[in-house]
């Protein structure tokens, strides 16, 4: 059995919006071989980054949530369905990749919930260094500093500081390797490779 929301077709303006969607969808598929949510078809990632005061060349998807004071450096890509919570202060460096679904928090309501509102919301700034990759669905908690040129693996929970040039993953995240930079060459060396 097929279900359709045919009632929508009768609403005023539906046909024009549907036509716009189909045109944008087809053009995006043709140019980049991708399909994105309608809002991301409509709105420009670079323009939103400019509106938010991000650095030159930064981009952020319309599906991302931005709260409070968020400072993002040049040429940083913020993927779809991310959460950037700057309510406690958030600084993300230049040339970073914040992958789809990543969440960076600068506040915690744990104690407020446990005390039926008697405790205040805790806030602590987060810093992500330059040239750092935060993997899909990774979570960075309040008060954490992730150094420059780090790799945070997918689905990791980063609840403590990460030294520069580190590779971390897990729940909680732990250092599992390092980033080696020599001249123009960058390589990842994992602890298991050193055994």
N, C-alpha and C. Protein backbone atom coordinates (compact mmCIF):
# COMPACT_ATOMS: atom_id res chain seq x y z
N UNK A 1 0.85 -1.18 0.00
CA UNK A 1 0.00 0.00 0.00
C UNK A 1 0.89 1.24 0.00
N UNK A 2 0.56 2.23 -0.80
CA UNK A 2 1.33 3.46 -0.91
C UNK A 2 0.60 4.58 -0.18
N UNK A 3 1.35 5.32 0.63
CA UNK A 3 0.78 6.46 1.34
C UNK A 3 1.35 7.74 0.75
N UNK A 4 0.50 8.70 0.52
CA UNK A 4 0.94 10.00 0.02
C UNK A 4 0.18 11.09 0.73
N UNK A 5 0.85 12.22 0.89
CA UNK A 5 0.20 13.39 1.49
C UNK A 5 -0.40 14.25 0.39
N UNK A 6 -1.39 13.70 -0.31
CA UNK A 6 -1.98 14.41 -1.43
C UNK A 6 -2.70 15.70 -1.03
N UNK A 7 -3.11 15.80 0.22
CA UNK A 7 -3.81 17.01 0.66
C UNK A 7 -2.93 18.25 0.50
N UNK A 8 -1.61 18.09 0.56
CA UNK A 8 -0.70 19.23 0.45
C UNK A 8 -0.81 19.90 -0.92
N UNK A 9 -1.09 19.10 -1.94
CA UNK A 9 -1.15 19.64 -3.30
C UNK A 9 -2.24 20.69 -3.46
N UNK A 10 -3.25 20.66 -2.61
CA UNK A 10 -4.34 21.62 -2.71
C UNK A 10 -4.09 22.92 -1.99
N UNK A 11 -2.99 23.02 -1.25
CA UNK A 11 -2.71 24.25 -0.51
C UNK A 11 -2.19 25.34 -1.43
N UNK A 12 -2.56 26.57 -1.13
CA UNK A 12 -2.12 27.71 -1.94
C UNK A 12 -0.59 27.80 -1.94
N UNK A 13 -0.01 27.98 -3.11
CA UNK A 13 1.43 28.14 -3.24
C UNK A 13 2.22 26.85 -3.31
N UNK A 14 1.56 25.71 -3.07
CA UNK A 14 2.28 24.43 -3.05
C UNK A 14 2.94 24.14 -4.39
N UNK A 15 2.24 24.35 -5.46
CA UNK A 15 2.77 24.00 -6.79
C UNK A 15 4.05 24.80 -7.10
N UNK A 16 4.08 26.08 -6.74
CA UNK A 16 5.26 26.91 -7.01
C UNK A 16 6.46 26.44 -6.18
N UNK A 17 6.21 26.13 -4.93
CA UNK A 17 7.30 25.65 -4.06
C UNK A 17 7.79 24.29 -4.53
N UNK A 18 6.87 23.43 -4.90
CA UNK A 18 7.24 22.10 -5.40
C UNK A 18 8.08 22.22 -6.67
N UNK A 19 7.69 23.14 -7.55
CA UNK A 19 8.44 23.34 -8.79
C UNK A 19 9.85 23.87 -8.50
N UNK A 20 9.95 24.81 -7.56
CA UNK A 20 11.26 25.33 -7.16
C UNK A 20 12.13 24.21 -6.59
N UNK A 21 11.56 23.41 -5.71
CA UNK A 21 12.28 22.27 -5.12
C UNK A 21 12.80 21.33 -6.20
N UNK A 22 11.95 20.98 -7.15
CA UNK A 22 12.36 20.04 -8.20
C UNK A 22 13.48 20.62 -9.05
N UNK A 23 13.41 21.93 -9.35
CA UNK A 23 14.47 22.57 -10.13
C UNK A 23 15.79 22.57 -9.38
N UNK A 24 15.75 22.96 -8.10
CA UNK A 24 16.96 22.99 -7.29
C UNK A 24 17.52 21.59 -7.08
N UNK A 25 16.65 20.66 -6.78
CA UNK A 25 17.05 19.27 -6.57
C UNK A 25 17.76 18.72 -7.79
N UNK A 26 17.19 18.95 -8.97
CA UNK A 26 17.78 18.44 -10.21
C UNK A 26 19.12 19.10 -10.50
N UNK A 27 19.22 20.40 -10.27
CA UNK A 27 20.48 21.10 -10.55
C UNK A 27 21.59 20.65 -9.59
N UNK A 28 21.26 20.48 -8.33
CA UNK A 28 22.25 20.02 -7.35
C UNK A 28 22.69 18.59 -7.66
N UNK A 29 21.75 17.75 -8.06
CA UNK A 29 22.09 16.39 -8.45
C UNK A 29 23.01 16.40 -9.68
N UNK A 30 22.70 17.25 -10.64
CA UNK A 30 23.51 17.34 -11.86
C UNK A 30 24.92 17.88 -11.57
N UNK A 31 25.01 18.96 -10.78
CA UNK A 31 26.30 19.60 -10.53
C UNK A 31 27.21 18.80 -9.61
N UNK A 32 26.64 18.28 -8.51
CA UNK A 32 27.47 17.66 -7.48
C UNK A 32 27.08 16.23 -7.14
N UNK A 33 26.11 15.67 -7.84
CA UNK A 33 25.66 14.30 -7.60
C UNK A 33 25.30 14.08 -6.13
N UNK A 34 24.48 14.97 -5.61
CA UNK A 34 24.03 14.84 -4.23
C UNK A 34 22.59 15.29 -4.08
N UNK A 35 21.98 14.87 -2.99
CA UNK A 35 20.62 15.27 -2.65
C UNK A 35 20.64 15.74 -1.21
N UNK A 36 20.12 16.93 -0.96
CA UNK A 36 20.15 17.52 0.38
C UNK A 36 18.74 17.92 0.79
N UNK A 37 18.50 18.20 2.07
CA UNK A 37 17.18 18.67 2.50
C UNK A 37 16.81 19.98 1.78
N UNK A 38 15.52 20.22 1.67
CA UNK A 38 15.02 21.38 0.94
C UNK A 38 15.64 22.68 1.43
N UNK A 39 15.75 22.86 2.74
CA UNK A 39 16.33 24.10 3.27
C UNK A 39 17.77 24.28 2.78
N UNK A 40 18.53 23.19 2.69
CA UNK A 40 19.90 23.29 2.20
C UNK A 40 19.95 23.47 0.69
N UNK A 41 18.87 23.13 -0.01
CA UNK A 41 18.77 23.48 -1.43
C UNK A 41 18.58 24.99 -1.58
N UNK A 42 17.77 25.56 -0.70
CA UNK A 42 17.39 26.96 -0.81
C UNK A 42 18.49 27.92 -0.37
N UNK A 43 19.19 27.59 0.71
CA UNK A 43 20.05 28.57 1.36
C UNK A 43 21.53 28.24 1.17
N UNK A 44 22.32 29.28 1.02
CA UNK A 44 23.74 29.20 0.73
C UNK A 44 24.55 29.04 2.01
N UNK A 45 25.39 28.00 2.07
CA UNK A 45 26.21 27.73 3.26
C UNK A 45 27.20 28.85 3.55
N UNK A 46 27.76 29.45 2.51
CA UNK A 46 28.74 30.52 2.68
C UNK A 46 28.06 31.79 3.20
N UNK A 47 26.88 32.08 2.68
CA UNK A 47 26.16 33.27 3.12
C UNK A 47 25.78 33.16 4.59
N UNK A 48 25.37 31.98 5.02
CA UNK A 48 25.02 31.81 6.44
C UNK A 48 26.23 32.01 7.31
N UNK A 49 27.39 31.51 6.88
CA UNK A 49 28.62 31.68 7.66
C UNK A 49 28.98 33.17 7.77
N UNK A 50 28.80 33.92 6.69
CA UNK A 50 29.05 35.36 6.74
C UNK A 50 28.09 36.02 7.72
N UNK A 51 26.82 35.66 7.64
CA UNK A 51 25.82 36.21 8.55
C UNK A 51 26.18 35.97 10.01
N UNK A 52 26.73 34.79 10.29
CA UNK A 52 27.10 34.44 11.67
C UNK A 52 28.45 35.01 12.08
N UNK A 53 29.13 35.68 11.17
CA UNK A 53 30.42 36.29 11.50
C UNK A 53 31.59 35.33 11.48
N UNK A 54 31.43 34.19 10.82
CA UNK A 54 32.51 33.22 10.72
C UNK A 54 33.61 33.77 9.80
N UNK A 55 34.78 33.14 9.84
CA UNK A 55 35.91 33.57 9.04
C UNK A 55 35.67 33.39 7.55
N UNK A 56 36.50 34.10 6.76
CA UNK A 56 36.40 34.06 5.30
C UNK A 56 36.48 32.62 4.79
N UNK A 57 35.55 32.27 3.91
CA UNK A 57 35.55 30.95 3.30
C UNK A 57 34.94 29.85 4.14
N UNK A 58 34.49 30.15 5.34
CA UNK A 58 33.83 29.14 6.18
C UNK A 58 32.44 28.86 5.62
N UNK A 59 31.92 27.66 5.89
CA UNK A 59 30.56 27.29 5.48
C UNK A 59 29.86 26.57 6.62
N UNK A 60 28.53 26.70 6.63
CA UNK A 60 27.72 25.99 7.62
C UNK A 60 26.35 25.71 7.02
N UNK A 61 25.90 24.49 7.14
CA UNK A 61 24.61 24.08 6.58
C UNK A 61 23.46 24.72 7.34
N UNK A 62 22.35 24.90 6.64
CA UNK A 62 21.14 25.45 7.25
C UNK A 62 20.60 24.53 8.34
N UNK A 63 20.83 23.23 8.23
CA UNK A 63 20.33 22.27 9.21
C UNK A 63 21.11 22.27 10.52
N UNK A 64 22.18 23.06 10.60
CA UNK A 64 22.98 23.15 11.83
C UNK A 64 22.35 24.11 12.81
N UNK A 65 22.50 23.80 14.09
CA UNK A 65 22.00 24.67 15.16
C UNK A 65 23.19 25.41 15.75
N UNK A 66 23.05 26.73 15.88
CA UNK A 66 24.09 27.57 16.46
C UNK A 66 23.48 28.35 17.61
N UNK A 67 24.08 28.22 18.79
CA UNK A 67 23.59 28.88 20.00
C UNK A 67 24.70 29.74 20.59
N UNK A 68 24.38 30.94 21.03
CA UNK A 68 25.35 31.76 21.76
C UNK A 68 26.51 32.25 20.92
N UNK A 69 27.65 32.45 21.60
CA UNK A 69 28.84 33.03 20.98
C UNK A 69 29.72 31.96 20.37
N UNK A 70 29.69 31.88 19.05
CA UNK A 70 30.47 30.89 18.31
C UNK A 70 31.41 31.63 17.38
N UNK A 71 32.71 31.41 17.55
CA UNK A 71 33.74 32.03 16.72
C UNK A 71 34.36 30.93 15.87
N UNK A 72 34.23 31.05 14.55
CA UNK A 72 34.74 30.04 13.63
C UNK A 72 35.74 30.68 12.69
N UNK A 73 36.88 30.03 12.51
CA UNK A 73 37.96 30.56 11.68
C UNK A 73 37.74 30.38 10.20
N UNK A 74 38.70 30.85 9.42
CA UNK A 74 38.64 30.82 7.98
C UNK A 74 38.65 29.40 7.43
N UNK A 75 37.92 29.22 6.34
CA UNK A 75 37.90 27.97 5.57
C UNK A 75 37.53 26.74 6.41
N UNK A 76 36.75 26.95 7.44
CA UNK A 76 36.25 25.82 8.24
C UNK A 76 34.89 25.39 7.69
N UNK A 77 34.74 24.08 7.56
CA UNK A 77 33.50 23.49 7.06
C UNK A 77 32.73 22.91 8.24
N UNK A 78 31.48 23.33 8.39
CA UNK A 78 30.60 22.79 9.43
C UNK A 78 29.50 22.02 8.70
N UNK A 79 29.46 20.71 8.92
CA UNK A 79 28.56 19.82 8.21
C UNK A 79 27.12 19.92 8.66
N UNK A 80 26.25 19.17 8.00
CA UNK A 80 24.83 19.20 8.30
C UNK A 80 24.50 18.55 9.65
N UNK A 81 23.41 19.00 10.22
CA UNK A 81 22.85 18.42 11.44
C UNK A 81 23.82 18.46 12.62
N UNK A 82 24.63 19.51 12.67
CA UNK A 82 25.57 19.71 13.77
C UNK A 82 24.95 20.63 14.80
N UNK A 83 25.50 20.60 16.02
CA UNK A 83 25.12 21.54 17.07
C UNK A 83 26.39 22.24 17.54
N UNK A 84 26.39 23.57 17.42
CA UNK A 84 27.48 24.38 17.94
C UNK A 84 26.90 25.24 19.06
N UNK A 85 27.16 24.84 20.29
CA UNK A 85 26.63 25.53 21.46
C UNK A 85 27.71 26.48 21.99
N UNK A 86 27.52 27.75 21.72
CA UNK A 86 28.46 28.75 22.21
C UNK A 86 27.95 29.49 23.42
N UNK A 87 26.96 28.96 24.13
CA UNK A 87 26.40 29.67 25.29
C UNK A 87 27.43 29.89 26.39
N UNK A 88 28.49 29.07 26.38
CA UNK A 88 29.59 29.26 27.32
C UNK A 88 30.86 29.73 26.63
N UNK A 89 30.76 30.01 25.33
CA UNK A 89 31.91 30.46 24.54
C UNK A 89 32.53 29.31 23.76
N UNK A 90 32.50 29.41 22.44
CA UNK A 90 33.04 28.36 21.58
C UNK A 90 33.91 28.99 20.51
N UNK A 91 35.15 28.51 20.41
CA UNK A 91 36.07 28.97 19.37
C UNK A 91 36.56 27.76 18.59
N UNK A 92 36.34 27.80 17.27
CA UNK A 92 36.79 26.76 16.35
C UNK A 92 37.78 27.41 15.40
N UNK A 93 38.93 26.80 15.21
CA UNK A 93 40.02 27.40 14.44
C UNK A 93 39.80 27.40 12.94
N UNK A 94 40.88 27.74 12.24
CA UNK A 94 40.89 27.78 10.78
C UNK A 94 41.05 26.38 10.20
N UNK A 95 40.51 26.18 9.00
CA UNK A 95 40.70 24.96 8.21
C UNK A 95 40.28 23.69 8.96
N UNK A 96 39.22 23.78 9.74
CA UNK A 96 38.70 22.61 10.46
C UNK A 96 37.57 21.97 9.66
N UNK A 97 37.29 20.71 9.97
CA UNK A 97 36.11 20.01 9.46
C UNK A 97 35.32 19.52 10.67
N UNK A 98 34.10 20.00 10.79
CA UNK A 98 33.19 19.56 11.84
C UNK A 98 32.14 18.71 11.13
N UNK A 99 32.27 17.40 11.23
CA UNK A 99 31.49 16.47 10.41
C UNK A 99 30.02 16.41 10.79
N UNK A 100 29.24 15.83 9.90
CA UNK A 100 27.80 15.72 10.06
C UNK A 100 27.43 15.11 11.41
N UNK A 101 26.50 15.74 12.08
CA UNK A 101 25.99 15.22 13.34
C UNK A 101 26.86 15.49 14.55
N UNK A 102 28.02 16.12 14.38
CA UNK A 102 28.88 16.42 15.53
C UNK A 102 28.18 17.44 16.43
N UNK A 103 28.42 17.31 17.73
CA UNK A 103 27.81 18.20 18.71
C UNK A 103 28.89 18.72 19.64
N UNK A 104 28.97 20.04 19.76
CA UNK A 104 29.95 20.67 20.64
C UNK A 104 29.17 21.51 21.64
N UNK A 105 29.31 21.15 22.92
CA UNK A 105 28.54 21.80 23.99
C UNK A 105 29.44 22.61 24.90
N UNK A 106 28.93 23.79 25.32
CA UNK A 106 29.63 24.61 26.30
C UNK A 106 28.79 24.81 27.55
N UNK A 107 27.74 24.03 27.67
CA UNK A 107 26.93 24.09 28.88
C UNK A 107 26.48 22.67 29.26
N UNK A 108 26.09 22.54 30.52
CA UNK A 108 25.55 21.27 31.01
C UNK A 108 24.41 21.56 31.97
N UNK A 109 23.32 20.82 31.80
CA UNK A 109 22.17 20.98 32.69
C UNK A 109 22.00 19.77 33.61
N UNK A 110 23.03 18.94 33.73
CA UNK A 110 22.94 17.73 34.55
C UNK A 110 22.58 18.08 35.99
N UNK A 111 23.35 18.96 36.62
CA UNK A 111 23.10 19.28 38.04
C UNK A 111 21.78 20.03 38.21
N UNK A 112 21.44 20.87 37.24
CA UNK A 112 20.15 21.56 37.31
C UNK A 112 19.01 20.55 37.32
N UNK A 113 19.10 19.52 36.48
CA UNK A 113 18.06 18.50 36.43
C UNK A 113 18.02 17.69 37.72
N UNK A 114 19.19 17.28 38.19
CA UNK A 114 19.25 16.44 39.39
C UNK A 114 18.78 17.14 40.65
N UNK A 115 18.87 18.48 40.67
CA UNK A 115 18.48 19.25 41.86
C UNK A 115 17.13 19.94 41.68
N UNK A 116 16.36 19.49 40.70
CA UNK A 116 15.04 20.08 40.43
C UNK A 116 15.13 21.58 40.22
N UNK A 117 16.20 22.00 39.57
CA UNK A 117 16.36 23.41 39.22
C UNK A 117 17.09 24.24 40.25
N UNK A 118 17.47 23.67 41.38
CA UNK A 118 18.17 24.44 42.42
C UNK A 118 19.58 24.84 41.96
N UNK A 119 20.25 23.97 41.24
CA UNK A 119 21.60 24.28 40.73
C UNK A 119 21.49 24.99 39.39
N UNK A 120 22.41 25.88 39.17
CA UNK A 120 22.43 26.63 37.91
C UNK A 120 22.99 25.76 36.77
N UNK A 121 22.71 26.17 35.56
CA UNK A 121 23.33 25.55 34.40
C UNK A 121 24.81 25.86 34.43
N UNK A 122 25.65 24.83 34.29
CA UNK A 122 27.10 25.02 34.27
C UNK A 122 27.53 25.39 32.86
N UNK A 123 28.48 26.33 32.76
CA UNK A 123 28.99 26.75 31.46
C UNK A 123 30.51 26.80 31.50
N UNK A 124 31.13 26.33 30.43
CA UNK A 124 32.58 26.39 30.30
C UNK A 124 32.94 26.41 28.82
N UNK A 125 33.88 27.25 28.46
CA UNK A 125 34.26 27.45 27.06
C UNK A 125 34.90 26.21 26.47
N UNK A 126 34.77 26.07 25.16
CA UNK A 126 35.41 25.00 24.39
C UNK A 126 36.23 25.66 23.29
N UNK A 127 37.42 25.09 23.06
CA UNK A 127 38.28 25.54 21.97
C UNK A 127 38.67 24.34 21.12
N UNK A 128 38.52 24.49 19.81
CA UNK A 128 38.97 23.51 18.83
C UNK A 128 40.09 24.19 18.03
N UNK A 129 41.28 23.62 18.04
CA UNK A 129 42.42 24.24 17.37
C UNK A 129 42.32 24.20 15.86
N UNK A 130 43.28 24.88 15.21
CA UNK A 130 43.33 24.94 13.76
C UNK A 130 43.56 23.55 13.15
N UNK A 131 43.06 23.37 11.94
CA UNK A 131 43.33 22.17 11.13
C UNK A 131 42.95 20.88 11.86
N UNK A 132 41.83 20.91 12.55
CA UNK A 132 41.36 19.75 13.31
C UNK A 132 40.12 19.17 12.66
N UNK A 133 40.05 17.85 12.67
CA UNK A 133 38.92 17.11 12.11
C UNK A 133 38.12 16.50 13.25
N UNK A 134 36.83 16.84 13.32
CA UNK A 134 35.91 16.25 14.30
C UNK A 134 34.97 15.35 13.51
N UNK A 135 35.02 14.04 13.78
CA UNK A 135 34.30 13.05 13.00
C UNK A 135 32.80 13.07 13.20
N UNK A 136 32.07 12.35 12.34
CA UNK A 136 30.62 12.30 12.40
C UNK A 136 30.12 11.82 13.77
N UNK A 137 29.12 12.52 14.27
CA UNK A 137 28.43 12.19 15.52
C UNK A 137 29.33 12.22 16.75
N UNK A 138 30.49 12.84 16.66
CA UNK A 138 31.33 13.03 17.84
C UNK A 138 30.69 14.08 18.74
N UNK A 139 30.94 13.96 20.03
CA UNK A 139 30.43 14.92 21.01
C UNK A 139 31.61 15.47 21.79
N UNK A 140 31.70 16.80 21.87
CA UNK A 140 32.72 17.47 22.68
C UNK A 140 31.97 18.17 23.81
N UNK A 141 32.37 17.90 25.06
CA UNK A 141 31.66 18.44 26.21
C UNK A 141 32.27 19.75 26.70
N UNK A 142 31.52 20.45 27.54
CA UNK A 142 31.90 21.76 28.05
C UNK A 142 33.26 21.74 28.72
N UNK A 143 34.03 22.80 28.48
CA UNK A 143 35.31 22.99 29.15
C UNK A 143 36.49 22.32 28.48
N UNK A 144 36.29 21.66 27.36
CA UNK A 144 37.34 20.89 26.70
C UNK A 144 38.10 21.75 25.69
N UNK A 145 39.39 21.52 25.62
CA UNK A 145 40.22 22.10 24.55
C UNK A 145 40.76 20.96 23.71
N UNK A 146 40.51 21.03 22.41
CA UNK A 146 41.07 20.07 21.45
C UNK A 146 42.14 20.84 20.69
N UNK A 147 43.38 20.35 20.74
CA UNK A 147 44.49 21.06 20.13
C UNK A 147 44.43 21.13 18.62
N UNK A 148 45.40 21.81 18.05
CA UNK A 148 45.49 21.93 16.60
C UNK A 148 45.96 20.63 15.96
N UNK A 149 45.53 20.42 14.73
CA UNK A 149 45.89 19.27 13.91
C UNK A 149 45.61 17.94 14.62
N UNK A 150 44.39 17.85 15.13
CA UNK A 150 43.92 16.62 15.79
C UNK A 150 42.88 15.93 14.92
N UNK A 151 42.70 14.65 15.19
CA UNK A 151 41.63 13.87 14.59
C UNK A 151 40.79 13.32 15.73
N UNK A 152 39.50 13.64 15.72
CA UNK A 152 38.54 13.08 16.68
C UNK A 152 37.69 12.09 15.90
N UNK A 153 37.77 10.82 16.25
CA UNK A 153 37.07 9.77 15.51
C UNK A 153 35.56 9.86 15.63
N UNK A 154 34.89 9.26 14.68
CA UNK A 154 33.43 9.23 14.65
C UNK A 154 32.88 8.61 15.93
N UNK A 155 31.75 9.14 16.39
CA UNK A 155 31.02 8.64 17.56
C UNK A 155 31.80 8.74 18.86
N UNK A 156 32.84 9.54 18.91
CA UNK A 156 33.64 9.69 20.12
C UNK A 156 32.99 10.68 21.08
N UNK A 157 33.22 10.47 22.38
CA UNK A 157 32.81 11.40 23.43
C UNK A 157 34.08 12.01 24.00
N UNK A 158 34.30 13.28 23.68
CA UNK A 158 35.51 13.97 24.15
C UNK A 158 35.14 14.75 25.40
N UNK A 159 35.57 14.24 26.55
CA UNK A 159 35.22 14.88 27.82
C UNK A 159 36.45 15.33 28.60
N UNK A 160 37.60 15.36 27.92
CA UNK A 160 38.83 15.91 28.52
C UNK A 160 39.68 16.49 27.40
N UNK A 161 40.64 17.32 27.78
CA UNK A 161 41.48 17.99 26.79
C UNK A 161 42.24 17.00 25.91
N UNK A 162 42.47 17.41 24.67
CA UNK A 162 43.20 16.61 23.69
C UNK A 162 44.43 17.41 23.27
N UNK A 163 45.64 16.84 23.47
CA UNK A 163 46.86 17.57 23.08
C UNK A 163 46.94 17.76 21.57
N UNK A 164 47.63 18.80 21.12
CA UNK A 164 47.83 18.98 19.68
C UNK A 164 48.44 17.73 19.05
N UNK A 165 48.15 17.55 17.76
CA UNK A 165 48.73 16.46 16.96
C UNK A 165 48.34 15.07 17.49
N UNK A 166 47.13 14.97 18.05
CA UNK A 166 46.66 13.69 18.59
C UNK A 166 45.54 13.11 17.75
N UNK A 167 45.45 11.78 17.76
CA UNK A 167 44.32 11.06 17.19
C UNK A 167 43.59 10.44 18.36
N UNK A 168 42.30 10.76 18.51
CA UNK A 168 41.52 10.22 19.62
C UNK A 168 40.25 9.59 19.08
N UNK A 169 39.80 8.54 19.77
CA UNK A 169 38.46 8.03 19.50
C UNK A 169 38.01 7.20 20.69
N UNK A 170 36.72 6.93 20.73
CA UNK A 170 36.15 6.09 21.78
C UNK A 170 35.19 6.86 22.66
N UNK A 171 34.63 6.12 23.62
CA UNK A 171 33.68 6.67 24.57
C UNK A 171 34.02 6.17 25.96
N UNK A 172 34.75 6.97 26.75
CA UNK A 172 35.25 8.30 26.42
C UNK A 172 36.46 8.21 25.49
N UNK A 173 36.69 9.32 24.76
CA UNK A 173 37.79 9.35 23.80
C UNK A 173 39.13 9.24 24.52
N UNK A 174 40.03 8.51 23.88
CA UNK A 174 41.40 8.40 24.41
C UNK A 174 42.36 8.52 23.24
N UNK A 175 43.58 8.91 23.53
CA UNK A 175 44.59 9.06 22.49
C UNK A 175 44.99 7.68 22.00
N UNK A 176 44.88 7.49 20.69
CA UNK A 176 45.22 6.20 20.08
C UNK A 176 46.31 6.35 19.02
N UNK A 177 46.76 7.56 18.82
CA UNK A 177 47.80 7.79 17.83
C UNK A 177 48.18 9.25 17.78
N UNK A 178 48.96 9.59 16.76
CA UNK A 178 49.41 10.97 16.62
C UNK A 178 49.44 11.37 15.14
N UNK A 179 49.46 12.67 14.95
CA UNK A 179 49.59 13.25 13.62
C UNK A 179 51.04 13.69 13.47
N UNK A 180 51.70 13.19 12.44
CA UNK A 180 53.08 13.59 12.18
C UNK A 180 53.10 14.51 10.97
N UNK A 181 53.75 15.66 11.15
CA UNK A 181 53.85 16.65 10.09
C UNK A 181 55.33 16.87 9.80
N UNK A 182 55.70 16.65 8.54
CA UNK A 182 57.08 16.88 8.13
C UNK A 182 57.04 17.51 6.74
N UNK A 183 57.55 18.74 6.65
CA UNK A 183 57.49 19.52 5.43
C UNK A 183 56.02 19.62 4.99
N UNK A 184 55.68 19.14 3.82
CA UNK A 184 54.30 19.20 3.34
C UNK A 184 53.57 17.86 3.48
N UNK A 185 54.16 16.94 4.23
CA UNK A 185 53.57 15.62 4.38
C UNK A 185 52.95 15.47 5.76
N UNK A 186 51.73 14.96 5.77
CA UNK A 186 51.03 14.68 7.03
C UNK A 186 50.65 13.21 7.02
N UNK A 187 50.93 12.51 8.13
CA UNK A 187 50.51 11.11 8.21
C UNK A 187 50.02 10.82 9.62
N UNK A 188 49.13 9.85 9.70
CA UNK A 188 48.59 9.38 10.97
C UNK A 188 49.34 8.14 11.40
N UNK A 189 49.82 8.15 12.63
CA UNK A 189 50.53 7.00 13.20
C UNK A 189 49.72 6.55 14.42
N UNK A 190 49.28 5.30 14.37
CA UNK A 190 48.48 4.76 15.47
C UNK A 190 49.35 3.95 16.41
N UNK A 191 48.99 3.95 17.70
CA UNK A 191 49.75 3.23 18.72
C UNK A 191 49.98 1.78 18.33
N UNK A 192 48.97 1.16 17.73
CA UNK A 192 49.09 -0.27 17.36
C UNK A 192 50.17 -0.49 16.30
N UNK A 193 50.46 0.56 15.50
CA UNK A 193 51.52 0.45 14.48
C UNK A 193 52.91 0.47 15.11
N UNK A 194 52.99 0.96 16.35
CA UNK A 194 54.30 1.11 17.01
C UNK A 194 54.72 -0.16 17.74
N UNK A 195 53.84 -1.15 17.81
CA UNK A 195 54.14 -2.37 18.56
C UNK A 195 55.00 -3.31 17.76
